Amino acid sequence: MRPEMKVLPGQLAFFIILALFPLLTLVGYIGSNISLFSTAFVSALTDILPSDVADIILPFVTESKITGNIAFFMIIGFVLVSNGTNSLIVASNELFGIKDDDALKRRIKAFLMIILLMILFIFIILVLAYGNVLAKMIISQSIFSDVSDQLYLIFILLKWPIAIALIFFVIKLLYAIAPDDKIPSKFMNYGALFTTIGWVIITALYSYYNSHFANYTMFYGSVSGVIVMMIWIYLLSFVLIMGIAINSNVYNDSKKYNLIKEVQNK
């Protein structure tokens, strides 16, 4: 019921989606220079991604050429999308009762946070949302023919524990660096755990939907896959903001408890 919960999730989701395109352009440029995106790889992505999503994303990956103008607009794009993580910083300060720091310092921190958040999102997309399909594609190569079943089983067994540990660590790091004052990291555990579990469940449902259920074509037409992906990102953003609220409650309750204890001791 807090006011920030009615605004921040949608704002953060918008800026995350906005950040995808300059990031994909950069990844595509790097990949094209090291021959990363082969025909087989692009074909596999076309198979695993919803067709509407693939039609939007793949041109950024396969046809990326960074000229001076494109580089300039990429920089401007990253500055604009840092507004999302800047909102996280402002919300954290408000919830923890901290005075806002210098605007330039906050903007630099927001820029670093959006890069960290986008790396985490790419990991979730590649490993959790579409990891099974990508793993099957990789181990289907002839060099893995003798041990393909064993490798796939190892991937299935290790995917979730490693992913949960990594997501928890990165989210806790984001929560710890967001406030403009030092908050002991122990107060970030509850929110980070809540967000990690929420992200894993939501992503598992999204992955299951993509693999087993019909899409929303009858309602949204050709953009149905994009709509579902946007809903998924919005839910992840909502849970991320919830984690900050949980951390602030734990921290503020601890301050009240310590204050009462000091008064009683006196």
C-alpha atoms as a PDB file:
ATOM      1  CA  MET A   1       0.000   0.000   0.000  1.00  0.00           C
ATOM      2  CA  ARG A   2       3.011   2.338   0.078  1.00  0.00           C
ATOM      3  CA  PRO A   3       2.991   5.053  -2.606  1.00  0.00           C
ATOM      4  CA  GLU A   4       6.341   3.936  -4.072  1.00  0.00           C
ATOM      5  CA  MET A   5       4.909   0.465  -4.758  1.00  0.00           C
ATOM      6  CA  LYS A   6       2.320   2.031  -7.063  1.00  0.00           C
ATOM      7  CA  VAL A   7       4.918   3.837  -9.180  1.00  0.00           C
ATOM      8  CA  LEU A   8       8.405   2.312  -8.954  1.00  0.00           C
ATOM      9  CA  PRO A   9       7.795  -1.223 -10.362  1.00  0.00           C
ATOM     10  CA  GLY A  10       6.346   0.079 -13.621  1.00  0.00           C
ATOM     11  CA  GLN A  11       9.013   2.769 -13.895  1.00  0.00           C
ATOM     12  CA  LEU A  12      11.839   0.292 -13.284  1.00  0.00           C
ATOM     13  CA  ALA A  13      10.377  -2.237 -15.738  1.00  0.00           C
ATOM     14  CA  PHE A  14      10.142   0.458 -18.415  1.00  0.00           C
ATOM     15  CA  PHE A  15      13.781   1.478 -18.003  1.00  0.00           C
ATOM     16  CA  ILE A  16      14.953  -2.161 -17.947  1.00  0.00           C
ATOM     17  CA  ILE A  17      13.224  -2.800 -21.274  1.00  0.00           C
ATOM     18  CA  LEU A  18      14.628   0.481 -22.601  1.00  0.00           C
ATOM     19  CA  ALA A  19      18.126  -0.630 -21.539  1.00  0.00           C
ATOM     20  CA  LEU A  20      17.881  -3.875 -23.495  1.00  0.00           C
ATOM     21  CA  PHE A  21      18.353  -2.283 -26.896  1.00  0.00           C
ATOM     22  CA  PRO A  22      21.592  -0.307 -26.392  1.00  0.00           C
ATOM     23  CA  LEU A  23      22.917  -3.297 -24.454  1.00  0.00           C
ATOM     24  CA  LEU A  24      22.002  -5.725 -27.253  1.00  0.00           C
ATOM     25  CA  THR A  25      23.620  -3.389 -29.785  1.00  0.00           C
ATOM     26  CA  LEU A  26      26.842  -3.448 -27.763  1.00  0.00           C
ATOM     27  CA  VAL A  27      26.716  -7.236 -27.328  1.00  0.00           C
ATOM     28  CA  GLY A  28      26.006  -7.675 -31.038  1.00  0.00           C
ATOM     29  CA  TYR A  29      28.943  -5.471 -31.999  1.00  0.00           C
ATOM     30  CA  ILE A  30      31.322  -7.423 -29.745  1.00  0.00           C
ATOM     31  CA  GLY A  31      29.922 -10.755 -30.925  1.00  0.00           C
ATOM     32  CA  SER A  32      30.245  -9.867 -34.601  1.00  0.00           C
ATOM     33  CA  ASN A  33      33.923  -9.015 -34.133  1.00  0.00           C
ATOM     34  CA  ILE A  34      34.718 -12.351 -32.491  1.00  0.00           C
ATOM     35  CA  SER A  35      32.402 -14.427 -34.718  1.00  0.00           C
ATOM     36  CA  LEU A  36      30.219 -15.301 -31.758  1.00  0.00           C
ATOM     37  CA  PHE A  37      26.866 -15.196 -33.522  1.00  0.00           C
ATOM     38  CA  SER A  38      27.142 -17.972 -36.069  1.00  0.00           C
ATOM     39  CA  THR A  39      24.270 -19.026 -38.302  1.00  0.00           C
ATOM     40  CA  ALA A  40      23.594 -22.040 -36.088  1.00  0.00           C
ATOM     41  CA  PHE A  41      23.498 -19.888 -32.966  1.00  0.00           C
ATOM     42  CA  VAL A  42      21.104 -17.370 -34.506  1.00  0.00           C
ATOM     43  CA  SER A  43      18.915 -20.212 -35.787  1.00  0.00           C
ATOM     44  CA  ALA A  44      18.780 -21.707 -32.298  1.00  0.00           C
ATOM     45  CA  LEU A  45      17.787 -18.352 -30.772  1.00  0.00           C
ATOM     46  CA  THR A  46      15.029 -18.050 -33.365  1.00  0.00           C
ATOM     47  CA  ASP A  47      13.734 -21.459 -32.273  1.00  0.00           C
ATOM     48  CA  ILE A  48      13.747 -20.842 -28.512  1.00  0.00           C
ATOM     49  CA  LEU A  49      12.585 -17.206 -28.378  1.00  0.00           C
ATOM     50  CA  PRO A  50       8.941 -16.303 -28.968  1.00  0.00           C
ATOM     51  CA  SER A  51       8.745 -15.256 -32.615  1.00  0.00           C
ATOM     52  CA  ASP A  52       7.626 -11.709 -31.826  1.00  0.00           C
ATOM     53  CA  VAL A  53      10.478 -11.241 -29.346  1.00  0.00           C
ATOM     54  CA  ALA A  54      13.011 -12.749 -31.766  1.00  0.00           C
ATOM     55  CA  ASP A  55      11.914 -10.397 -34.566  1.00  0.00           C
ATOM     56  CA  ILE A  56      12.714  -7.417 -32.321  1.00  0.00           C
ATOM     57  CA  ILE A  57      15.879  -8.650 -30.601  1.00  0.00           C
ATOM     58  CA  LEU A  58      17.826 -10.519 -33.316  1.00  0.00           C
ATOM     59  CA  PRO A  59      18.447  -7.504 -35.619  1.00  0.00           C
ATOM     60  CA  PHE A  60      20.211  -5.768 -32.723  1.00  0.00           C
ATOM     61  CA  VAL A  61      22.367  -8.868 -32.165  1.00  0.00           C
ATOM     62  CA  THR A  62      23.222  -9.812 -35.738  1.00  0.00           C
ATOM     63  CA  GLU A  63      23.402  -6.448 -37.531  1.00  0.00           C
ATOM     64  CA  SER A  64      25.120  -4.236 -34.958  1.00  0.00           C
ATOM     65  CA  LYS A  65      27.520  -1.631 -36.327  1.00  0.00           C
ATOM     66  CA  ILE A  66      28.585   1.082 -33.933  1.00  0.00           C
ATOM     67  CA  THR A  67      29.240   4.369 -35.669  1.00  0.00           C
ATOM     68  CA  GLY A  68      29.884   7.684 -33.953  1.00  0.00           C
ATOM     69  CA  ASN A  69      26.198   8.602 -33.946  1.00  0.00           C
ATOM     70  CA  ILE A  70      25.109   5.196 -32.657  1.00  0.00           C
ATOM     71  CA  ALA A  71      27.737   5.296 -29.903  1.00  0.00           C
ATOM     72  CA  PHE A  72      26.523   8.748 -28.845  1.00  0.00           C
ATOM     73  CA  PHE A  73      22.896   7.637 -28.655  1.00  0.00           C
ATOM     74  CA  MET A  74      23.910   4.447 -26.811  1.00  0.00           C
ATOM     75  CA  ILE A  75      25.598   6.566 -24.147  1.00  0.00           C
ATOM     76  CA  ILE A  76      22.538   8.814 -23.917  1.00  0.00           C
ATOM     77  CA  GLY A  77      20.359   5.691 -23.731  1.00  0.00           C
ATOM     78  CA  PHE A  78      22.331   4.247 -20.820  1.00  0.00           C
ATOM     79  CA  VAL A  79      22.165   7.594 -19.018  1.00  0.00           C
ATOM     80  CA  LEU A  80      18.387   7.680 -19.479  1.00  0.00           C
ATOM     81  CA  VAL A  81      17.858   4.094 -18.333  1.00  0.00           C
ATOM     82  CA  SER A  82      19.889   4.792 -15.212  1.00  0.00           C
ATOM     83  CA  ASN A  83      16.806   6.755 -14.103  1.00  0.00           C
ATOM     84  CA  GLY A  84      15.339   3.389 -13.115  1.00  0.00           C
ATOM     85  CA  THR A  85      18.094   2.521 -10.656  1.00  0.00           C
ATOM     86  CA  ASN A  86      18.253   6.156  -9.561  1.00  0.00           C
ATOM     87  CA  SER A  87      14.653   5.667  -8.473  1.00  0.00           C
ATOM     88  CA  LEU A  88      15.783   2.656  -6.436  1.00  0.00           C
ATOM     89  CA  ILE A  89      18.366   4.862  -4.714  1.00  0.00           C
ATOM     90  CA  VAL A  90      15.831   7.602  -3.938  1.00  0.00           C
ATOM     91  CA  ALA A  91      13.285   5.046  -2.692  1.00  0.00           C
ATOM     92  CA  SER A  92      15.916   3.361  -0.511  1.00  0.00           C
ATOM     93  CA  ASN A  93      16.881   6.705   1.016  1.00  0.00           C
ATOM     94  CA  GLU A  94      13.242   7.504   1.717  1.00  0.00           C
ATOM     95  CA  LEU A  95      12.465   4.125   3.260  1.00  0.00           C
ATOM     96  CA  PHE A  96      15.626   3.971   5.343  1.00  0.00           C
ATOM     97  CA  GLY A  97      15.303   7.598   6.409  1.00  0.00           C
ATOM     98  CA  ILE A  98      18.547   8.729   4.749  1.00  0.00           C
ATOM     99  CA  LYS A  99      19.279  12.128   3.244  1.00  0.00           C
ATOM    100  CA  ASP A 100      19.961  12.112  -0.521  1.00  0.00           C
ATOM    101  CA  ASP A 101      23.623  12.387  -1.482  1.00  0.00           C
ATOM    102  CA  ASP A 102      25.131  14.586  -4.191  1.00  0.00           C
ATOM    103  CA  ALA A 103      23.195  14.236  -7.474  1.00  0.00           C
ATOM    104  CA  LEU A 104      26.331  13.465  -9.541  1.00  0.00           C
ATOM    105  CA  LYS A 105      27.474  10.705  -7.179  1.00  0.00           C
ATOM    106  CA  ARG A 106      23.987   9.256  -7.174  1.00  0.00           C
ATOM    107  CA  ARG A 107      23.857   9.274 -10.988  1.00  0.00           C
ATOM    108  CA  ILE A 108      27.228   7.493 -11.277  1.00  0.00           C
ATOM    109  CA  LYS A 109      26.064   4.885  -8.778  1.00  0.00           C
ATOM    110  CA  ALA A 110      22.772   4.485 -10.659  1.00  0.00           C
ATOM    111  CA  PHE A 111      24.697   3.931 -13.910  1.00  0.00           C
ATOM    112  CA  LEU A 112      26.797   1.176 -12.341  1.00  0.00           C
ATOM    113  CA  MET A 113      23.682  -0.389 -10.797  1.00  0.00           C
ATOM    114  CA  ILE A 114      21.838  -0.582 -14.123  1.00  0.00           C
ATOM    115  CA  ILE A 115      24.813  -2.400 -15.691  1.00  0.00           C
ATOM    116  CA  LEU A 116      24.850  -4.855 -12.790  1.00  0.00           C
ATOM    117  CA  LEU A 117      21.085  -5.327 -13.023  1.00  0.00           C
ATOM    118  CA  MET A 118      21.179  -5.882 -16.796  1.00  0.00           C
ATOM    119  CA  ILE A 119      23.929  -8.505 -16.450  1.00  0.00           C
ATOM    120  CA  LEU A 120      21.747 -10.282 -13.904  1.00  0.00           C
ATOM    121  CA  PHE A 121      18.742 -10.123 -16.228  1.00  0.00           C
ATOM    122  CA  ILE A 122      20.748 -11.552 -19.119  1.00  0.00           C
ATOM    123  CA  PHE A 123      21.898 -14.392 -16.876  1.00  0.00           C
ATOM    124  CA  ILE A 124      18.297 -15.109 -15.842  1.00  0.00           C
ATOM    125  CA  ILE A 125      17.104 -15.068 -19.452  1.00  0.00           C
ATOM    126  CA  LEU A 126      19.879 -17.306 -20.786  1.00  0.00           C
ATOM    127  CA  VAL A 127      20.145 -19.742 -17.862  1.00  0.00           C
ATOM    128  CA  LEU A 128      16.726 -19.883 -16.213  1.00  0.00           C
ATOM    129  CA  ALA A 129      14.178 -18.791 -18.807  1.00  0.00           C
ATOM    130  CA  TYR A 130      15.756 -20.525 -21.840  1.00  0.00           C
ATOM    131  CA  GLY A 131      18.611 -22.501 -20.270  1.00  0.00           C
ATOM    132  CA  ASN A 132      17.201 -25.962 -20.915  1.00  0.00           C
ATOM    133  CA  VAL A 133      16.784 -25.332 -24.637  1.00  0.00           C
ATOM    134  CA  LEU A 134      20.230 -23.736 -24.953  1.00  0.00           C
ATOM    135  CA  ALA A 135      21.824 -26.608 -23.026  1.00  0.00           C
ATOM    136  CA  LYS A 136      20.217 -29.156 -25.336  1.00  0.00           C
ATOM    137  CA  MET A 137      21.443 -27.190 -28.354  1.00  0.00           C
ATOM    138  CA  ILE A 138      25.026 -27.111 -27.058  1.00  0.00           C
ATOM    139  CA  ILE A 139      25.300 -30.737 -25.948  1.00  0.00           C
ATOM    140  CA  SER A 140      23.680 -31.957 -29.168  1.00  0.00           C
ATOM    141  CA  GLN A 141      26.976 -31.188 -30.940  1.00  0.00           C
ATOM    142  CA  SER A 142      28.861 -34.253 -32.124  1.00  0.00           C
ATOM    143  CA  ILE A 143      31.770 -33.727 -29.713  1.00  0.00           C
ATOM    144  CA  PHE A 144      29.398 -34.304 -26.775  1.00  0.00           C
ATOM    145  CA  SER A 145      27.559 -37.274 -28.289  1.00  0.00           C
ATOM    146  CA  ASP A 146      28.975 -39.826 -25.837  1.00  0.00           C
ATOM    147  CA  VAL A 147      28.200 -37.839 -22.685  1.00  0.00           C
ATOM    148  CA  SER A 148      25.262 -35.664 -23.744  1.00  0.00           C
ATOM    149  CA  ASP A 149      22.771 -37.226 -21.325  1.00  0.00           C
ATOM    150  CA  GLN A 150      25.167 -36.935 -18.388  1.00  0.00           C
ATOM    151  CA  LEU A 151      26.013 -33.308 -19.207  1.00  0.00           C
ATOM    152  CA  TYR A 152      22.351 -32.358 -19.455  1.00  0.00           C
ATOM    153  CA  LEU A 153      21.606 -34.035 -16.117  1.00  0.00           C
ATOM    154  CA  ILE A 154      24.505 -32.152 -14.497  1.00  0.00           C
ATOM    155  CA  PHE A 155      23.178 -28.884 -15.929  1.00  0.00           C
ATOM    156  CA  ILE A 156      19.671 -29.554 -14.599  1.00  0.00           C
ATOM    157  CA  LEU A 157      20.997 -30.436 -11.144  1.00  0.00           C
ATOM    158  CA  LEU A 158      23.342 -27.440 -10.863  1.00  0.00           C
ATOM    159  CA  LYS A 159      21.293 -24.773 -12.664  1.00  0.00           C
ATOM    160  CA  TRP A 160      18.975 -23.792  -9.842  1.00  0.00           C
ATOM    161  CA  PRO A 161      21.404 -23.932  -6.870  1.00  0.00           C
ATOM    162  CA  ILE A 162      24.024 -21.859  -8.720  1.00  0.00           C
ATOM    163  CA  ALA A 163      21.406 -19.464 -10.073  1.00  0.00           C
ATOM    164  CA  ILE A 164      19.795 -18.946  -6.668  1.00  0.00           C
ATOM    165  CA  ALA A 165      23.162 -18.265  -5.019  1.00  0.00           C
ATOM    166  CA  LEU A 166      24.212 -15.814  -7.759  1.00  0.00           C
ATOM    167  CA  ILE A 167      20.864 -13.982  -7.814  1.00  0.00           C
ATOM    168  CA  PHE A 168      20.889 -13.670  -4.021  1.00  0.00           C
ATOM    169  CA  PHE A 169      24.436 -12.275  -4.010  1.00  0.00           C
ATOM    170  CA  VAL A 170      23.818  -9.706  -6.777  1.00  0.00           C
ATOM    171  CA  ILE A 171      20.481  -8.565  -5.367  1.00  0.00           C
ATOM    172  CA  LYS A 172      21.946  -8.199  -1.886  1.00  0.00           C
ATOM    173  CA  LEU A 173      24.784  -6.171  -3.414  1.00  0.00           C
ATOM    174  CA  LEU A 174      22.278  -3.904  -5.198  1.00  0.00           C
ATOM    175  CA  TYR A 175      20.320  -3.418  -1.995  1.00  0.00           C
ATOM    176  CA  ALA A 176      23.501  -2.673  -0.037  1.00  0.00           C
ATOM    177  CA  ILE A 177      24.871  -0.020  -2.411  1.00  0.00           C
ATOM    178  CA  ALA A 178      21.516   1.659  -3.183  1.00  0.00           C
ATOM    179  CA  PRO A 179      21.182   3.782   0.010  1.00  0.00           C
ATOM    180  CA  ASP A 180      23.349   6.896   0.190  1.00  0.00           C
ATOM    181  CA  ASP A 181      24.556   5.882   3.631  1.00  0.00           C
ATOM    182  CA  LYS A 182      26.164   2.727   4.969  1.00  0.00           C
ATOM    183  CA  ILE A 183      23.574   0.188   6.111  1.00  0.00           C
ATOM    184  CA  PRO A 184      24.950  -3.071   7.590  1.00  0.00           C
ATOM    185  CA  SER A 185      24.572  -5.805   4.986  1.00  0.00           C
ATOM    186  CA  LYS A 186      22.889  -8.118   7.493  1.00  0.00           C
ATOM    187  CA  PHE A 187      19.731  -6.012   7.124  1.00  0.00           C
ATOM    188  CA  MET A 188      19.635  -6.828   3.408  1.00  0.00           C
ATOM    189  CA  ASN A 189      19.295 -10.597   3.844  1.00  0.00           C
ATOM    190  CA  TYR A 190      15.516 -10.778   4.286  1.00  0.00           C
ATOM    191  CA  GLY A 191      14.682  -8.664   1.257  1.00  0.00           C
ATOM    192  CA  ALA A 192      17.339 -10.350  -0.892  1.00  0.00           C
ATOM    193  CA  LEU A 193      16.026 -13.803   0.052  1.00  0.00           C
ATOM    194  CA  PHE A 194      12.433 -12.768  -0.650  1.00  0.00           C
ATOM    195  CA  THR A 195      13.399 -11.282  -4.025  1.00  0.00           C
ATOM    196  CA  THR A 196      15.524 -14.290  -4.994  1.00  0.00           C
ATOM    197  CA  ILE A 197      12.727 -16.759  -4.254  1.00  0.00           C
ATOM    198  CA  GLY A 198      10.188 -14.517  -5.994  1.00  0.00           C
ATOM    199  CA  TRP A 199      12.353 -14.135  -9.091  1.00  0.00           C
ATOM    200  CA  VAL A 200      13.027 -17.871  -9.314  1.00  0.00           C
ATOM    201  CA  ILE A 201       9.323 -18.746  -9.033  1.00  0.00           C
ATOM    202  CA  ILE A 202       8.192 -16.072 -11.505  1.00  0.00           C
ATOM    203  CA  THR A 203      10.901 -17.010 -14.014  1.00  0.00           C
ATOM    204  CA  ALA A 204      10.131 -20.720 -13.666  1.00  0.00           C
ATOM    205  CA  LEU A 205       6.467 -19.995 -14.440  1.00  0.00           C
ATOM    206  CA  TYR A 206       7.471 -17.802 -17.390  1.00  0.00           C
ATOM    207  CA  SER A 207       9.775 -20.520 -18.715  1.00  0.00           C
ATOM    208  CA  TYR A 208       7.064 -23.159 -18.266  1.00  0.00           C
ATOM    209  CA  TYR A 209       4.552 -20.955 -20.062  1.00  0.00           C
ATOM    210  CA  ASN A 210       6.893 -20.470 -23.029  1.00  0.00           C
ATOM    211  CA  SER A 211       7.453 -24.208 -23.254  1.00  0.00           C
ATOM    212  CA  HIS A 212       3.941 -25.563 -22.727  1.00  0.00           C
ATOM    213  CA  PHE A 213       1.136 -23.042 -23.096  1.00  0.00           C
ATOM    214  CA  ALA A 214      -0.454 -21.193 -25.960  1.00  0.00           C
ATOM    215  CA  ASN A 215       0.305 -17.515 -26.311  1.00  0.00           C
ATOM    216  CA  TYR A 216      -1.991 -14.500 -26.162  1.00  0.00           C
ATOM    217  CA  THR A 217      -2.268 -14.108 -29.928  1.00  0.00           C
ATOM    218  CA  MET A 218      -6.069 -14.013 -29.822  1.00  0.00           C
ATOM    219  CA  PHE A 219      -5.894 -10.967 -27.550  1.00  0.00           C
ATOM    220  CA  TYR A 220      -2.761  -9.102 -28.623  1.00  0.00           C
ATOM    221  CA  GLY A 221      -2.069 -10.310 -32.142  1.00  0.00           C
ATOM    222  CA  SER A 222       1.519 -10.386 -33.360  1.00  0.00           C
ATOM    223  CA  VAL A 223       2.962  -8.690 -30.246  1.00  0.00           C
ATOM    224  CA  SER A 224       1.716 -11.342 -27.811  1.00  0.00           C
ATOM    225  CA  GLY A 225       5.202 -12.664 -27.000  1.00  0.00           C
ATOM    226  CA  VAL A 226       6.437  -9.145 -26.263  1.00  0.00           C
ATOM    227  CA  ILE A 227       3.447  -8.477 -23.985  1.00  0.00           C
ATOM    228  CA  VAL A 228       4.115 -11.628 -21.957  1.00  0.00           C
ATOM    229  CA  MET A 229       7.814 -10.745 -21.641  1.00  0.00           C
ATOM    230  CA  MET A 230       6.911  -7.230 -20.443  1.00  0.00           C
ATOM    231  CA  ILE A 231       4.546  -8.666 -17.811  1.00  0.00           C
ATOM    232  CA  TRP A 232       7.340 -10.967 -16.649  1.00  0.00           C
ATOM    233  CA  ILE A 233       9.797  -8.046 -16.325  1.00  0.00           C
ATOM    234  CA  TYR A 234       7.172  -5.968 -14.498  1.00  0.00           C
ATOM    235  CA  LEU A 235       6.598  -8.747 -11.944  1.00  0.00           C
ATOM    236  CA  LEU A 236      10.356  -9.060 -11.384  1.00  0.00           C
ATOM    237  CA  SER A 237      10.553  -5.297 -10.848  1.00  0.00           C
ATOM    238  CA  PHE A 238       7.640  -5.380  -8.406  1.00  0.00           C
ATOM    239  CA  VAL A 239       9.298  -8.085  -6.312  1.00  0.00           C
ATOM    240  CA  LEU A 240      12.604  -6.167  -6.389  1.00  0.00           C
ATOM    241  CA  ILE A 241      10.915  -3.076  -4.914  1.00  0.00           C
ATOM    242  CA  MET A 242       9.141  -5.241  -2.334  1.00  0.00           C
ATOM    243  CA  GLY A 243      12.546  -6.454  -1.178  1.00  0.00           C
ATOM    244  CA  ILE A 244      13.628  -2.872  -0.413  1.00  0.00           C
ATOM    245  CA  ALA A 245      10.474  -2.309   1.631  1.00  0.00           C
ATOM    246  CA  ILE A 246      11.141  -5.513   3.599  1.00  0.00           C
ATOM    247  CA  ASN A 247      14.745  -4.499   4.304  1.00  0.00           C
ATOM    248  CA  SER A 248      13.693  -1.043   5.485  1.00  0.00           C
ATOM    249  CA  ASN A 249      11.112  -2.547   7.835  1.00  0.00           C
ATOM    250  CA  VAL A 250      13.716  -4.884   9.344  1.00  0.00           C
ATOM    251  CA  TYR A 251      16.206  -2.015   9.717  1.00  0.00           C
ATOM    252  CA  ASN A 252      13.712   0.451  11.199  1.00  0.00           C
ATOM    253  CA  ASP A 253      12.357  -2.177  13.618  1.00  0.00           C
ATOM    254  CA  SER A 254      15.913  -2.919  14.725  1.00  0.00           C
ATOM    255  CA  LYS A 255      16.560   0.799  15.364  1.00  0.00           C
ATOM    256  CA  LYS A 256      13.382   1.050  17.435  1.00  0.00           C
ATOM    257  CA  TYR A 257      14.327  -2.064  19.416  1.00  0.00           C
ATOM    258  CA  ASN A 258      17.829  -0.743  20.129  1.00  0.00           C
ATOM    259  CA  LEU A 259      16.418   2.636  21.179  1.00  0.00           C
ATOM    260  CA  ILE A 260      13.950   1.009  23.573  1.00  0.00           C
ATOM    261  CA  LYS A 261      16.717  -1.168  24.966  1.00  0.00           C
ATOM    262  CA  GLU A 262      18.932   1.876  25.570  1.00  0.00           C
ATOM    263  CA  VAL A 263      16.107   3.683  27.376  1.00  0.00           C
ATOM    264  CA  GLN A 264      15.440   0.636  29.551  1.00  0.00           C
ATOM    265  CA  ASN A 265      19.128   0.313  30.426  1.00  0.00           C
ATOM    266  CA  LYS A 266      19.210   3.944  31.520  1.00  0.00           C
END
